[in-house]
Amino acid sequence: MVVQAAILSGYAALVVLAVTLALHARGTGRAGSTPTAYLATVMSHPLGRWLVLLLWMWVGWHFFVR
């Protein structure tokens, strides 16, 4: 149970960090620092596409299959 709580806390911290980044980007008005811009940059490279796919599959397996 302790390991599961630590993992969920880690994911919650990542979500809070992502929301903070998005709010900061919208507040400063810099279009290049939004999460969508980061994802577009990663997806522009074939290796980045594979990494996003693998991450998506891993998250799907651990959250939806179990």
PDB file of N, CA and C in Angstrom:
ATOM      1  N   MET A   1       0.814  -1.196   0.000  1.00  0.00           N
ATOM      2  CA  MET A   1       0.000   0.000   0.000  1.00  0.00           C
ATOM      3  C   MET A   1       0.858   1.261   0.000  1.00  0.00           C
ATOM      4  N   VAL A   2       1.985   1.228   0.676  1.00  0.00           N
ATOM      5  CA  VAL A   2       2.832   2.406   0.753  1.00  0.00           C
ATOM      6  C   VAL A   2       3.428   2.717  -0.623  1.00  0.00           C
ATOM      7  N   VAL A   3       3.819   1.678  -1.364  1.00  0.00           N
ATOM      8  CA  VAL A   3       4.389   1.876  -2.690  1.00  0.00           C
ATOM      9  C   VAL A   3       3.342   2.471  -3.618  1.00  0.00           C
ATOM     10  N   GLN A   4       2.132   1.962  -3.547  1.00  0.00           N
ATOM     11  CA  GLN A   4       1.059   2.477  -4.394  1.00  0.00           C
ATOM     12  C   GLN A   4       0.775   3.947  -4.073  1.00  0.00           C
ATOM     13  N   ALA A   5       0.770   4.307  -2.814  1.00  0.00           N
ATOM     14  CA  ALA A   5       0.549   5.701  -2.423  1.00  0.00           C
ATOM     15  C   ALA A   5       1.682   6.596  -2.916  1.00  0.00           C
ATOM     16  N   ALA A   6       2.906   6.095  -2.876  1.00  0.00           N
ATOM     17  CA  ALA A   6       4.041   6.876  -3.361  1.00  0.00           C
ATOM     18  C   ALA A   6       3.951   7.097  -4.865  1.00  0.00           C
ATOM     19  N   ILE A   7       3.550   6.072  -5.589  1.00  0.00           N
ATOM     20  CA  ILE A   7       3.420   6.189  -7.046  1.00  0.00           C
ATOM     21  C   ILE A   7       2.313   7.172  -7.403  1.00  0.00           C
ATOM     22  N   LEU A   8       1.184   7.049  -6.750  1.00  0.00           N
ATOM     23  CA  LEU A   8       0.079   7.972  -7.017  1.00  0.00           C
ATOM     24  C   LEU A   8       0.445   9.405  -6.633  1.00  0.00           C
ATOM     25  N   SER A   9       1.199   9.569  -5.572  1.00  0.00           N
ATOM     26  CA  SER A   9       1.665  10.908  -5.189  1.00  0.00           C
ATOM     27  C   SER A   9       2.606  11.481  -6.239  1.00  0.00           C
ATOM     28  N   GLY A  10       3.445  10.637  -6.798  1.00  0.00           N
ATOM     29  CA  GLY A  10       4.345  11.077  -7.867  1.00  0.00           C
ATOM     30  C   GLY A  10       3.575  11.538  -9.092  1.00  0.00           C
ATOM     31  N   TYR A  11       2.553  10.771  -9.478  1.00  0.00           N
ATOM     32  CA  TYR A  11       1.732  11.174 -10.621  1.00  0.00           C
ATOM     33  C   TYR A  11       0.961  12.456 -10.325  1.00  0.00           C
ATOM     34  N   ALA A  12       0.480  12.595  -9.120  1.00  0.00           N
ATOM     35  CA  ALA A  12      -0.229  13.822  -8.746  1.00  0.00           C
ATOM     36  C   ALA A  12       0.716  15.021  -8.826  1.00  0.00           C
ATOM     37  N   ALA A  13       1.958  14.836  -8.406  1.00  0.00           N
ATOM     38  CA  ALA A  13       2.934  15.920  -8.496  1.00  0.00           C
ATOM     39  C   ALA A  13       3.211  16.288  -9.950  1.00  0.00           C
ATOM     40  N   LEU A  14       3.272  15.291 -10.835  1.00  0.00           N
ATOM     41  CA  LEU A  14       3.466  15.578 -12.258  1.00  0.00           C
ATOM     42  C   LEU A  14       2.291  16.340 -12.848  1.00  0.00           C
ATOM     43  N   VAL A  15       1.084  15.997 -12.440  1.00  0.00           N
ATOM     44  CA  VAL A  15      -0.103  16.705 -12.924  1.00  0.00           C
ATOM     45  C   VAL A  15      -0.081  18.152 -12.441  1.00  0.00           C
ATOM     46  N   VAL A  16       0.254  18.351 -11.189  1.00  0.00           N
ATOM     47  CA  VAL A  16       0.331  19.713 -10.649  1.00  0.00           C
ATOM     48  C   VAL A  16       1.404  20.511 -11.391  1.00  0.00           C
ATOM     49  N   LEU A  17       2.531  19.890 -11.672  1.00  0.00           N
ATOM     50  CA  LEU A  17       3.591  20.563 -12.414  1.00  0.00           C
ATOM     51  C   LEU A  17       3.134  20.933 -13.825  1.00  0.00           C
ATOM     52  N   ALA A  18       2.422  20.041 -14.488  1.00  0.00           N
ATOM     53  CA  ALA A  18       1.933  20.318 -15.840  1.00  0.00           C
ATOM     54  C   ALA A  18       0.910  21.453 -15.839  1.00  0.00           C
ATOM     55  N   VAL A  19       0.015  21.452 -14.866  1.00  0.00           N
ATOM     56  CA  VAL A  19      -0.985  22.528 -14.779  1.00  0.00           C
ATOM     57  C   VAL A  19      -0.301  23.856 -14.478  1.00  0.00           C
ATOM     58  N   THR A  20       0.675  23.841 -13.592  1.00  0.00           N
ATOM     59  CA  THR A  20       1.416  25.057 -13.276  1.00  0.00           C
ATOM     60  C   THR A  20       2.144  25.588 -14.510  1.00  0.00           C
ATOM     61  N   LEU A  21       2.759  24.695 -15.275  1.00  0.00           N
ATOM     62  CA  LEU A  21       3.443  25.096 -16.498  1.00  0.00           C
ATOM     63  C   LEU A  21       2.457  25.713 -17.495  1.00  0.00           C
ATOM     64  N   ALA A  22       1.300  25.103 -17.656  1.00  0.00           N
ATOM     65  CA  ALA A  22       0.304  25.625 -18.594  1.00  0.00           C
ATOM     66  C   ALA A  22      -0.211  26.992 -18.155  1.00  0.00           C
ATOM     67  N   LEU A  23      -0.481  27.152 -16.877  1.00  0.00           N
ATOM     68  CA  LEU A  23      -0.964  28.446 -16.392  1.00  0.00           C
ATOM     69  C   LEU A  23       0.106  29.526 -16.516  1.00  0.00           C
ATOM     70  N   HIS A  24       1.342  29.168 -16.242  1.00  0.00           N
ATOM     71  CA  HIS A  24       2.428  30.135 -16.370  1.00  0.00           C
ATOM     72  C   HIS A  24       2.601  30.545 -17.837  1.00  0.00           C
ATOM     73  N   ALA A  25       2.514  29.585 -18.746  1.00  0.00           N
ATOM     74  CA  ALA A  25       2.674  29.890 -20.168  1.00  0.00           C
ATOM     75  C   ALA A  25       1.561  30.808 -20.654  1.00  0.00           C
ATOM     76  N   ARG A  26       0.346  30.580 -20.192  1.00  0.00           N
ATOM     77  CA  ARG A  26      -0.768  31.436 -20.610  1.00  0.00           C
ATOM     78  C   ARG A  26      -0.649  32.828 -19.991  1.00  0.00           C
ATOM     79  N   GLY A  27      -0.118  32.893 -18.790  1.00  0.00           N
ATOM     80  CA  GLY A  27       0.020  34.185 -18.117  1.00  0.00           C
ATOM     81  C   GLY A  27       1.086  35.070 -18.738  1.00  0.00           C
ATOM     82  N   THR A  28       2.168  34.460 -19.223  1.00  0.00           N
ATOM     83  CA  THR A  28       3.244  35.253 -19.814  1.00  0.00           C
ATOM     84  C   THR A  28       2.973  35.587 -21.269  1.00  0.00           C
ATOM     85  N   GLY A  29       2.071  34.870 -21.897  1.00  0.00           N
ATOM     86  CA  GLY A  29       1.734  35.138 -23.289  1.00  0.00           C
ATOM     87  C   GLY A  29       2.747  34.606 -24.290  1.00  0.00           C
ATOM     88  N   ARG A  30       3.668  33.761 -23.835  1.00  0.00           N
ATOM     89  CA  ARG A  30       4.650  33.171 -24.743  1.00  0.00           C
ATOM     90  C   ARG A  30       4.067  31.913 -25.351  1.00  0.00           C
ATOM     91  N   ALA A  31       3.847  31.927 -26.654  1.00  0.00           N
ATOM     92  CA  ALA A  31       3.196  30.798 -27.318  1.00  0.00           C
ATOM     93  C   ALA A  31       4.090  29.562 -27.381  1.00  0.00           C
ATOM     94  N   GLY A  32       5.392  29.733 -27.292  1.00  0.00           N
ATOM     95  CA  GLY A  32       6.302  28.604 -27.423  1.00  0.00           C
ATOM     96  C   GLY A  32       6.487  27.787 -26.165  1.00  0.00           C
ATOM     97  N   SER A  33       5.878  28.175 -25.076  1.00  0.00           N
ATOM     98  CA  SER A  33       6.117  27.455 -23.832  1.00  0.00           C
ATOM     99  C   SER A  33       4.882  26.726 -23.319  1.00  0.00           C
ATOM    100  N   THR A  34       3.911  26.479 -24.176  1.00  0.00           N
ATOM    101  CA  THR A  34       2.727  25.744 -23.749  1.00  0.00           C
ATOM    102  C   THR A  34       2.986  24.240 -23.861  1.00  0.00           C
ATOM    103  N   PRO A  35       2.269  23.429 -23.114  1.00  0.00           N
ATOM    104  CA  PRO A  35       2.438  21.977 -23.235  1.00  0.00           C
ATOM    105  C   PRO A  35       2.168  21.474 -24.656  1.00  0.00           C
ATOM    106  N   THR A  36       1.248  22.110 -25.360  1.00  0.00           N
ATOM    107  CA  THR A  36       0.972  21.710 -26.737  1.00  0.00           C
ATOM    108  C   THR A  36       2.188  21.972 -27.621  1.00  0.00           C
ATOM    109  N   ALA A  37       2.874  23.074 -27.394  1.00  0.00           N
ATOM    110  CA  ALA A  37       4.080  23.376 -28.171  1.00  0.00           C
ATOM    111  C   ALA A  37       5.186  22.369 -27.860  1.00  0.00           C
ATOM    112  N   TYR A  38       5.321  21.991 -26.601  1.00  0.00           N
ATOM    113  CA  TYR A  38       6.314  20.979 -26.246  1.00  0.00           C
ATOM    114  C   TYR A  38       6.003  19.646 -26.919  1.00  0.00           C
ATOM    115  N   LEU A  39       4.747  19.243 -26.882  1.00  0.00           N
ATOM    116  CA  LEU A  39       4.358  17.981 -27.500  1.00  0.00           C
ATOM    117  C   LEU A  39       4.560  18.039 -29.011  1.00  0.00           C
ATOM    118  N   ALA A  40       4.259  19.152 -29.625  1.00  0.00           N
ATOM    119  CA  ALA A  40       4.468  19.294 -31.068  1.00  0.00           C
ATOM    120  C   ALA A  40       5.955  19.178 -31.409  1.00  0.00           C
ATOM    121  N   THR A  41       6.807  19.722 -30.566  1.00  0.00           N
ATOM    122  CA  THR A  41       8.244  19.619 -30.799  1.00  0.00           C
ATOM    123  C   THR A  41       8.710  18.172 -30.684  1.00  0.00           C
ATOM    124  N   VAL A  42       8.222  17.471 -29.682  1.00  0.00           N
ATOM    125  CA  VAL A  42       8.600  16.064 -29.511  1.00  0.00           C
ATOM    126  C   VAL A  42       8.064  15.228 -30.664  1.00  0.00           C
ATOM    127  N   MET A  43       6.836  15.485 -31.089  1.00  0.00           N
ATOM    128  CA  MET A  43       6.215  14.693 -32.146  1.00  0.00           C
ATOM    129  C   MET A  43       6.789  14.997 -33.529  1.00  0.00           C
ATOM    130  N   SER A  44       7.572  16.039 -33.667  1.00  0.00           N
ATOM    131  CA  SER A  44       8.140  16.371 -34.967  1.00  0.00           C
ATOM    132  C   SER A  44       9.303  15.449 -35.347  1.00  0.00           C
ATOM    133  N   HIS A  45       9.813  14.701 -34.399  1.00  0.00           N
ATOM    134  CA  HIS A  45      10.922  13.783 -34.643  1.00  0.00           C
ATOM    135  C   HIS A  45      10.399  12.346 -34.546  1.00  0.00           C
ATOM    136  N   PRO A  46      10.813  11.450 -35.450  1.00  0.00           N
ATOM    137  CA  PRO A  46      10.316  10.063 -35.403  1.00  0.00           C
ATOM    138  C   PRO A  46      10.583   9.353 -34.071  1.00  0.00           C
ATOM    139  N   LEU A  47      11.747   9.569 -33.481  1.00  0.00           N
ATOM    140  CA  LEU A  47      12.037   8.944 -32.189  1.00  0.00           C
ATOM    141  C   LEU A  47      11.086   9.458 -31.118  1.00  0.00           C
ATOM    142  N   GLY A  48      10.779  10.737 -31.165  1.00  0.00           N
ATOM    143  CA  GLY A  48       9.835  11.316 -30.216  1.00  0.00           C
ATOM    144  C   GLY A  48       8.455  10.682 -30.343  1.00  0.00           C
ATOM    145  N   ARG A  49       8.030  10.411 -31.569  1.00  0.00           N
ATOM    146  CA  ARG A  49       6.734   9.755 -31.782  1.00  0.00           C
ATOM    147  C   ARG A  49       6.715   8.378 -31.145  1.00  0.00           C
ATOM    148  N   TRP A  50       7.813   7.627 -31.314  1.00  0.00           N
ATOM    149  CA  TRP A  50       7.884   6.296 -30.722  1.00  0.00           C
ATOM    150  C   TRP A  50       7.876   6.376 -29.191  1.00  0.00           C
ATOM    151  N   LEU A  51       8.586   7.343 -28.646  1.00  0.00           N
ATOM    152  CA  LEU A  51       8.611   7.487 -27.191  1.00  0.00           C
ATOM    153  C   LEU A  51       7.241   7.857 -26.639  1.00  0.00           C
ATOM    154  N   VAL A  52       6.533   8.749 -27.334  1.00  0.00           N
ATOM    155  CA  VAL A  52       5.180   9.116 -26.898  1.00  0.00           C
ATOM    156  C   VAL A  52       4.263   7.904 -26.992  1.00  0.00           C
ATOM    157  N   LEU A  53       4.379   7.128 -28.061  1.00  0.00           N
ATOM    158  CA  LEU A  53       3.565   5.919 -28.207  1.00  0.00           C
ATOM    159  C   LEU A  53       3.850   4.929 -27.086  1.00  0.00           C
ATOM    160  N   LEU A  54       5.122   4.695 -26.800  1.00  0.00           N
ATOM    161  CA  LEU A  54       5.474   3.762 -25.723  1.00  0.00           C
ATOM    162  C   LEU A  54       4.984   4.255 -24.366  1.00  0.00           C
ATOM    163  N   LEU A  55       5.106   5.554 -24.119  1.00  0.00           N
ATOM    164  CA  LEU A  55       4.621   6.122 -22.861  1.00  0.00           C
ATOM    165  C   LEU A  55       3.105   5.955 -22.760  1.00  0.00           C
ATOM    166  N   TRP A  56       2.403   6.234 -23.856  1.00  0.00           N
ATOM    167  CA  TRP A  56       0.950   6.093 -23.873  1.00  0.00           C
ATOM    168  C   TRP A  56       0.539   4.638 -23.615  1.00  0.00           C
ATOM    169  N   MET A  57       1.244   3.695 -24.228  1.00  0.00           N
ATOM    170  CA  MET A  57       0.933   2.278 -24.019  1.00  0.00           C
ATOM    171  C   MET A  57       1.214   1.870 -22.576  1.00  0.00           C
ATOM    172  N   TRP A  58       2.311   2.345 -22.004  1.00  0.00           N
ATOM    173  CA  TRP A  58       2.659   2.003 -20.633  1.00  0.00           C
ATOM    174  C   TRP A  58       1.605   2.535 -19.666  1.00  0.00           C
ATOM    175  N   VAL A  59       1.211   3.788 -19.850  1.00  0.00           N
ATOM    176  CA  VAL A  59       0.193   4.385 -18.976  1.00  0.00           C
ATOM    177  C   VAL A  59      -1.122   3.638 -19.136  1.00  0.00           C
ATOM    178  N   GLY A  60      -1.498   3.327 -20.369  1.00  0.00           N
ATOM    179  CA  GLY A  60      -2.735   2.589 -20.602  1.00  0.00           C
ATOM    180  C   GLY A  60      -2.717   1.221 -19.943  1.00  0.00           C
ATOM    181  N   TRP A  61      -1.600   0.533 -20.037  1.00  0.00           N
ATOM    182  CA  TRP A  61      -1.508  -0.800 -19.438  1.00  0.00           C
ATOM    183  C   TRP A  61      -1.604  -0.716 -17.914  1.00  0.00           C
ATOM    184  N   HIS A  62      -0.935   0.231 -17.313  1.00  0.00           N
ATOM    185  CA  HIS A  62      -0.879   0.285 -15.852  1.00  0.00           C
ATOM    186  C   HIS A  62      -2.138   0.863 -15.226  1.00  0.00           C
ATOM    187  N   PHE A  63      -2.879   1.685 -15.941  1.00  0.00           N
ATOM    188  CA  PHE A  63      -4.067   2.276 -15.362  1.00  0.00           C
ATOM    189  C   PHE A  63      -5.368   1.620 -15.807  1.00  0.00           C
ATOM    190  N   PHE A  64      -5.410   1.107 -17.034  1.00  0.00           N
ATOM    191  CA  PHE A  64      -6.686   0.609 -17.542  1.00  0.00           C
ATOM    192  C   PHE A  64      -6.780  -0.912 -17.566  1.00  0.00           C
ATOM    193  N   VAL A  65      -5.678  -1.614 -17.670  1.00  0.00           N
ATOM    194  CA  VAL A  65      -5.733  -3.066 -17.735  1.00  0.00           C
ATOM    195  C   VAL A  65      -5.821  -3.686 -16.349  1.00  0.00           C
ATOM    196  N   ARG A  66      -5.144  -3.103 -15.405  1.00  0.00           N
ATOM    197  CA  ARG A  66      -5.127  -3.680 -14.053  1.00  0.00           C
ATOM    198  C   ARG A  66      -6.451  -3.555 -13.388  1.00  0.00           C
TER     199      ARG A  66
END
